[in-house]
C-alpha atoms as a PDB file:
ATOM      1  CA  UNK A   1     -11.892 -10.899   3.416  1.00  0.00           C
ATOM      2  CA  UNK A   2      -9.379  -8.391   4.731  1.00  0.00           C
ATOM      3  CA  UNK A   3      -9.863  -6.102   7.658  1.00  0.00           C
ATOM      4  CA  UNK A   4      -9.017  -2.543   8.584  1.00  0.00           C
ATOM      5  CA  UNK A   5      -6.573  -2.353  11.480  1.00  0.00           C
ATOM      6  CA  UNK A   6      -6.057   0.760  13.579  1.00  0.00           C
ATOM      7  CA  UNK A   7      -2.592   2.241  13.246  1.00  0.00           C
ATOM      8  CA  UNK A   8      -1.937   1.826  16.952  1.00  0.00           C
ATOM      9  CA  UNK A   9      -2.625  -1.930  16.663  1.00  0.00           C
ATOM     10  CA  UNK A  10      -0.669  -2.796  13.512  1.00  0.00           C
ATOM     11  CA  UNK A  11       2.742  -3.293  15.139  1.00  0.00           C
ATOM     12  CA  UNK A  12       1.317  -5.809  17.610  1.00  0.00           C
ATOM     13  CA  UNK A  13      -0.504  -7.598  14.785  1.00  0.00           C
ATOM     14  CA  UNK A  14       2.667  -7.924  12.687  1.00  0.00           C
ATOM     15  CA  UNK A  15       4.673  -9.100  15.684  1.00  0.00           C
ATOM     16  CA  UNK A  16       2.027 -11.777  16.279  1.00  0.00           C
ATOM     17  CA  UNK A  17       2.105 -12.865  12.637  1.00  0.00           C
ATOM     18  CA  UNK A  18       5.895 -13.161  12.776  1.00  0.00           C
ATOM     19  CA  UNK A  19       5.672 -15.199  15.991  1.00  0.00           C
ATOM     20  CA  UNK A  20       3.284 -17.572  14.198  1.00  0.00           C
ATOM     21  CA  UNK A  21       5.850 -18.004  11.402  1.00  0.00           C
ATOM     22  CA  UNK A  22       3.918 -15.947   8.849  1.00  0.00           C
ATOM     23  CA  UNK A  23       5.741 -13.694   6.411  1.00  0.00           C
ATOM     24  CA  UNK A  24       4.421 -10.187   5.806  1.00  0.00           C
ATOM     25  CA  UNK A  25       4.530  -8.044   2.679  1.00  0.00           C
ATOM     26  CA  UNK A  26       3.531  -4.395   2.742  1.00  0.00           C
ATOM     27  CA  UNK A  27       2.794  -1.874   0.050  1.00  0.00           C
ATOM     28  CA  UNK A  28       1.297   1.573   0.089  1.00  0.00           C
ATOM     29  CA  UNK A  29      -0.769   3.874  -2.033  1.00  0.00           C
ATOM     30  CA  UNK A  30      -3.898   5.930  -2.514  1.00  0.00           C
ATOM     31  CA  UNK A  31      -5.894   3.263  -4.412  1.00  0.00           C
ATOM     32  CA  UNK A  32      -8.462   5.924  -5.228  1.00  0.00           C
ATOM     33  CA  UNK A  33     -10.405   4.531  -8.202  1.00  0.00           C
ATOM     34  CA  UNK A  34      -9.562   0.839  -8.170  1.00  0.00           C
ATOM     35  CA  UNK A  35      -8.636  -0.498 -11.622  1.00  0.00           C
ATOM     36  CA  UNK A  36      -7.017  -3.548 -13.210  1.00  0.00           C
ATOM     37  CA  UNK A  37      -3.536  -2.101 -12.688  1.00  0.00           C
ATOM     38  CA  UNK A  38      -4.162  -1.959  -8.936  1.00  0.00           C
ATOM     39  CA  UNK A  39      -5.553  -5.505  -8.895  1.00  0.00           C
ATOM     40  CA  UNK A  40      -2.569  -6.999 -10.714  1.00  0.00           C
ATOM     41  CA  UNK A  41      -0.150  -5.014  -8.550  1.00  0.00           C
ATOM     42  CA  UNK A  42      -1.783  -6.226  -5.333  1.00  0.00           C
ATOM     43  CA  UNK A  43      -1.992  -9.830  -6.537  1.00  0.00           C
ATOM     44  CA  UNK A  44       1.714  -9.798  -7.425  1.00  0.00           C
ATOM     45  CA  UNK A  45       2.511  -8.171  -4.074  1.00  0.00           C
ATOM     46  CA  UNK A  46       0.642 -10.914  -2.196  1.00  0.00           C
ATOM     47  CA  UNK A  47       2.719 -13.563  -3.996  1.00  0.00           C
ATOM     48  CA  UNK A  48       5.797 -12.502  -1.989  1.00  0.00           C
ATOM     49  CA  UNK A  49       4.474 -13.423   1.477  1.00  0.00           C
ATOM     50  CA  UNK A  50       1.735 -15.073   3.530  1.00  0.00           C
ATOM     51  CA  UNK A  51      -0.007 -11.839   4.545  1.00  0.00           C
ATOM     52  CA  UNK A  52      -0.470  -8.569   2.652  1.00  0.00           C
ATOM     53  CA  UNK A  53      -0.830  -5.290   4.511  1.00  0.00           C
ATOM     54  CA  UNK A  54      -1.859  -2.269   2.445  1.00  0.00           C
ATOM     55  CA  UNK A  55      -0.727   1.024   3.963  1.00  0.00           C
ATOM     56  CA  UNK A  56      -3.444   3.336   2.682  1.00  0.00           C
ATOM     57  CA  UNK A  57      -3.022   7.095   2.395  1.00  0.00           C
ATOM     58  CA  UNK A  58      -5.746   8.878   4.354  1.00  0.00           C
ATOM     59  CA  UNK A  59      -7.915  11.487   2.645  1.00  0.00           C
ATOM     60  CA  UNK A  60      -5.755  14.323   3.981  1.00  0.00           C
ATOM     61  CA  UNK A  61      -2.611  12.566   2.790  1.00  0.00           C
ATOM     62  CA  UNK A  62      -4.066  12.039  -0.712  1.00  0.00           C
ATOM     63  CA  UNK A  63      -5.041  15.729  -0.912  1.00  0.00           C
ATOM     64  CA  UNK A  64      -1.517  16.692   0.084  1.00  0.00           C
ATOM     65  CA  UNK A  65       0.002  14.502  -2.640  1.00  0.00           C
ATOM     66  CA  UNK A  66      -2.578  14.668  -5.460  1.00  0.00           C
ATOM     67  CA  UNK A  67      -4.269  18.042  -4.928  1.00  0.00           C
ATOM     68  CA  UNK A  68      -7.558  19.405  -3.568  1.00  0.00           C
ATOM     69  CA  UNK A  69      -9.813  17.442  -5.967  1.00  0.00           C
ATOM     70  CA  UNK A  70      -8.587  14.078  -4.745  1.00  0.00           C
ATOM     71  CA  UNK A  71      -9.384  11.553  -3.495  1.00  0.00           C
ATOM     72  CA  UNK A  72     -12.503  10.771  -5.485  1.00  0.00           C
ATOM     73  CA  UNK A  73     -13.457   8.050  -2.987  1.00  0.00           C
ATOM     74  CA  UNK A  74     -13.256   8.496   0.783  1.00  0.00           C
ATOM     75  CA  UNK A  75     -10.684   6.659   2.892  1.00  0.00           C
ATOM     76  CA  UNK A  76     -13.441   4.505   4.398  1.00  0.00           C
ATOM     77  CA  UNK A  77     -14.719   3.503   0.949  1.00  0.00           C
ATOM     78  CA  UNK A  78     -11.209   2.850  -0.367  1.00  0.00           C
ATOM     79  CA  UNK A  79     -10.367   0.719   2.682  1.00  0.00           C
ATOM     80  CA  UNK A  80     -13.575  -1.304   2.385  1.00  0.00           C
ATOM     81  CA  UNK A  81     -13.013  -1.961  -1.321  1.00  0.00           C
ATOM     82  CA  UNK A  82      -9.437  -3.098  -0.668  1.00  0.00           C
ATOM     83  CA  UNK A  83     -10.606  -5.393   2.140  1.00  0.00           C
ATOM     84  CA  UNK A  84     -13.017  -7.069  -0.284  1.00  0.00           C
ATOM     85  CA  UNK A  85     -10.099  -8.289  -2.412  1.00  0.00           C
ATOM     86  CA  UNK A  86      -9.023 -11.849  -1.632  1.00  0.00           C
ATOM     87  CA  UNK A  87      -5.332 -10.908  -1.856  1.00  0.00           C
ATOM     88  CA  UNK A  88      -5.538  -8.192   0.828  1.00  0.00           C
ATOM     89  CA  UNK A  89      -5.347  -9.310   4.453  1.00  0.00           C
ATOM     90  CA  UNK A  90      -5.117  -5.980   6.286  1.00  0.00           C
ATOM     91  CA  UNK A  91      -5.446  -2.265   5.561  1.00  0.00           C
ATOM     92  CA  UNK A  92      -4.073   0.470   7.809  1.00  0.00           C
ATOM     93  CA  UNK A  93      -4.520   4.195   7.179  1.00  0.00           C
ATOM     94  CA  UNK A  94      -1.745   6.730   7.577  1.00  0.00           C
ATOM     95  CA  UNK A  95      -1.819  10.534   7.431  1.00  0.00           C
ATOM     96  CA  UNK A  96       1.729  11.350   6.342  1.00  0.00           C
ATOM     97  CA  UNK A  97       2.799  11.765   2.704  1.00  0.00           C
ATOM     98  CA  UNK A  98       5.170   8.806   3.096  1.00  0.00           C
ATOM     99  CA  UNK A  99       4.738   5.543   5.022  1.00  0.00           C
ATOM    100  CA  UNK A 100       8.354   5.692   6.291  1.00  0.00           C
ATOM    101  CA  UNK A 101       7.478   5.826   9.986  1.00  0.00           C
ATOM    102  CA  UNK A 102       4.843   3.125   9.691  1.00  0.00           C
ATOM    103  CA  UNK A 103       7.196   0.836   7.771  1.00  0.00           C
ATOM    104  CA  UNK A 104       9.864   1.379  10.417  1.00  0.00           C
ATOM    105  CA  UNK A 105       7.342   0.362  13.095  1.00  0.00           C
ATOM    106  CA  UNK A 106       6.023  -2.806  11.459  1.00  0.00           C
ATOM    107  CA  UNK A 107       9.209  -4.051   9.753  1.00  0.00           C
ATOM    108  CA  UNK A 108       7.640  -6.167   7.001  1.00  0.00           C
ATOM    109  CA  UNK A 109       9.637  -9.014   5.481  1.00  0.00           C
ATOM    110  CA  UNK A 110       9.015  -7.629   1.985  1.00  0.00           C
ATOM    111  CA  UNK A 111       7.990  -4.207   0.686  1.00  0.00           C
ATOM    112  CA  UNK A 112       6.726  -3.607  -2.835  1.00  0.00           C
ATOM    113  CA  UNK A 113       6.792  -0.461  -4.878  1.00  0.00           C
ATOM    114  CA  UNK A 114       6.115   0.392  -8.502  1.00  0.00           C
ATOM    115  CA  UNK A 115       8.915  -0.220 -10.982  1.00  0.00           C
ATOM    116  CA  UNK A 116       9.126   3.516 -11.622  1.00  0.00           C
ATOM    117  CA  UNK A 117      11.304   3.484  -8.463  1.00  0.00           C
ATOM    118  CA  UNK A 118      14.754   2.007  -7.887  1.00  0.00           C
ATOM    119  CA  UNK A 119      16.629   1.519  -4.627  1.00  0.00           C
ATOM    120  CA  UNK A 120      18.408   4.790  -5.415  1.00  0.00           C
ATOM    121  CA  UNK A 121      15.135   6.742  -5.758  1.00  0.00           C
ATOM    122  CA  UNK A 122      13.037   4.908  -3.156  1.00  0.00           C
ATOM    123  CA  UNK A 123      12.329   7.338  -0.267  1.00  0.00           C
ATOM    124  CA  UNK A 124      12.058   4.418   2.171  1.00  0.00           C
ATOM    125  CA  UNK A 125      15.284   2.681   1.057  1.00  0.00           C
ATOM    126  CA  UNK A 126      17.215   3.536   4.219  1.00  0.00           C
ATOM    127  CA  UNK A 127      14.427   2.119   6.418  1.00  0.00           C
ATOM    128  CA  UNK A 128      14.291  -1.053   4.316  1.00  0.00           C
ATOM    129  CA  UNK A 129      18.063  -1.547   4.543  1.00  0.00           C
ATOM    130  CA  UNK A 130      18.133  -0.846   8.285  1.00  0.00           C
ATOM    131  CA  UNK A 131      15.370  -3.381   8.995  1.00  0.00           C
ATOM    132  CA  UNK A 132      16.524  -6.037   6.497  1.00  0.00           C
ATOM    133  CA  UNK A 133      13.320  -5.738   4.463  1.00  0.00           C
ATOM    134  CA  UNK A 134      13.530  -7.114   0.922  1.00  0.00           C
ATOM    135  CA  UNK A 135      12.211  -4.683  -1.708  1.00  0.00           C
ATOM    136  CA  UNK A 136      10.461  -5.879  -4.861  1.00  0.00           C
ATOM    137  CA  UNK A 137       9.644  -3.498  -7.716  1.00  0.00           C
ATOM    138  CA  UNK A 138       6.513  -4.306  -9.722  1.00  0.00           C
ATOM    139  CA  UNK A 139       5.849  -3.198 -13.281  1.00  0.00           C
ATOM    140  CA  UNK A 140       2.704  -1.147 -13.853  1.00  0.00           C
ATOM    141  CA  UNK A 141       0.061  -2.122 -16.373  1.00  0.00           C
ATOM    142  CA  UNK A 142       0.648   0.283 -19.256  1.00  0.00           C
ATOM    143  CA  UNK A 143      -2.020   2.959 -19.595  1.00  0.00           C
ATOM    144  CA  UNK A 144      -3.889   1.964 -16.418  1.00  0.00           C
ATOM    145  CA  UNK A 145      -4.008   4.682 -13.772  1.00  0.00           C
ATOM    146  CA  UNK A 146      -6.529   6.594 -11.735  1.00  0.00           C
ATOM    147  CA  UNK A 147      -5.357   9.825 -13.359  1.00  0.00           C
ATOM    148  CA  UNK A 148      -6.015   8.372 -16.830  1.00  0.00           C
ATOM    149  CA  UNK A 149      -9.522   7.314 -15.752  1.00  0.00           C
ATOM    150  CA  UNK A 150     -10.273  10.782 -14.371  1.00  0.00           C
ATOM    151  CA  UNK A 151      -8.944  12.444 -17.547  1.00  0.00           C
ATOM    152  CA  UNK A 152     -11.107  10.162 -19.714  1.00  0.00           C
ATOM    153  CA  UNK A 153     -14.218  10.983 -17.677  1.00  0.00           C
ATOM    154  CA  UNK A 154     -13.478  14.705 -17.898  1.00  0.00           C
ATOM    155  CA  UNK A 155     -13.261  14.581 -21.711  1.00  0.00           C
END
């Protein structure tokens, strides 16, 4: 079972993992209404390293990105659900719209993002290049998204 780590402790944790010879993969997202697309994405992400850290958008960050009606589930609920997944080792919340600063602090070995991005469109590309972080792009499961679920419920 994963655990929630305070932002101020994550850099020390990652440094310790690296000292123990563990590789670290990070990804980020809102993970609002967890669905099969999220599960497959996180399982694939975990396959790239020993430990998976999910950088989770806080409630205020989700509102800023997705609008005033989101998130559906609170940051505490979303973090707890993610920690219950066997593929997730750690969850850390962040308040910004982008995890750039957090990624620059922790310097994961691998960073995953959805395949709707490329290195040319990835906002964190410069940080990844600077820190020597390998980037892997993961295909989404067609038709599976939180927005689609919400739209279906609203019909």
